[in-house]
């Protein structure tokens, strides 16, 4: 199977690439801004016709789009999360109309939910910020296309290699940098549905192998809301942290607006035969191992924890 992966340099993209390479007969190519990719392209400014030429040259049977922006200006998030999928869809319709497209969406598209409820694909999206709104626009571009396509609406991903732009990645880096000190975080009282990035990779593989047609949108989640505080507690336990974690009482606007998220994953189980397999405590242990290993580094090299710890979100 000829596969083209966009966003392979990102946290989820790296895990999805690992999973796709294990498919029998897989021929994996990647696309992105760096010249090292098989297809050098920037979806934020490329034109449909030129992208169609590149896609036609590679002739993929499966295209997986993991590209996305979780932060930045409204224009940047709109270009990556909304324009990118729309351009990709139009180019595929021109060059590879029989290819299957798997697009990674986000639980941020849903917006607020009632505490105790489980969000299903039938729930009306009500995003509260630019991130959720732009991700929803990208999902709709995929859902309304003529392609054999599915958007996997990923809830809060965690696991080894988590970005410093995310709370798990940033907190792990700060614990490594301050093993006996004080680490300050925002309000951790919100509830989120965490899913391991390796389980996301498994869901992509299941979608790649599933008989068509698939539902246009499928939730990919852990299926259980847990307090965000569990991230701090789990990482501290994995690290053997002897310092103190202090909550400031203030967090992100999204945490204030969306205090509860839990995904209903019954549709993914029915359509893909997929369920998450990796528990949150294992995800956090593996995340800590990846961060602490990078922080130790080879002799006479600087720790990677410093610049990561500086990131806030």
Foldseek 3Di string as FASTA:
>chain_A
DEEEEEPCVDDLNVLLVVLQVPPPPYDYFYEYCDPPGPHHDDQLDDALVVVLVSCLVSQGQEYEYPWADPDDDLSVRLSTQASSLLSVLSSCVVRPQNHEYEYEAEPLQAFADDPPDADFPPHDGDHDDSNNVSNVNSLVSQLPGPHLYAYAHEWAEFFAPDALQDPLQLLLLVCLVCLAEEAEAADQAAWTFYAYSNLVSVLVVLCVPFDDRARRYAYDTQQDIDTSVVSVVLLCVLSVRNYYYHYPHHHDPRCVRYRYHGHDHVSSCVRRVGHGDDDPSNRSNRRSVNQNDQQVDDPPDHGPSVVSNPHDD
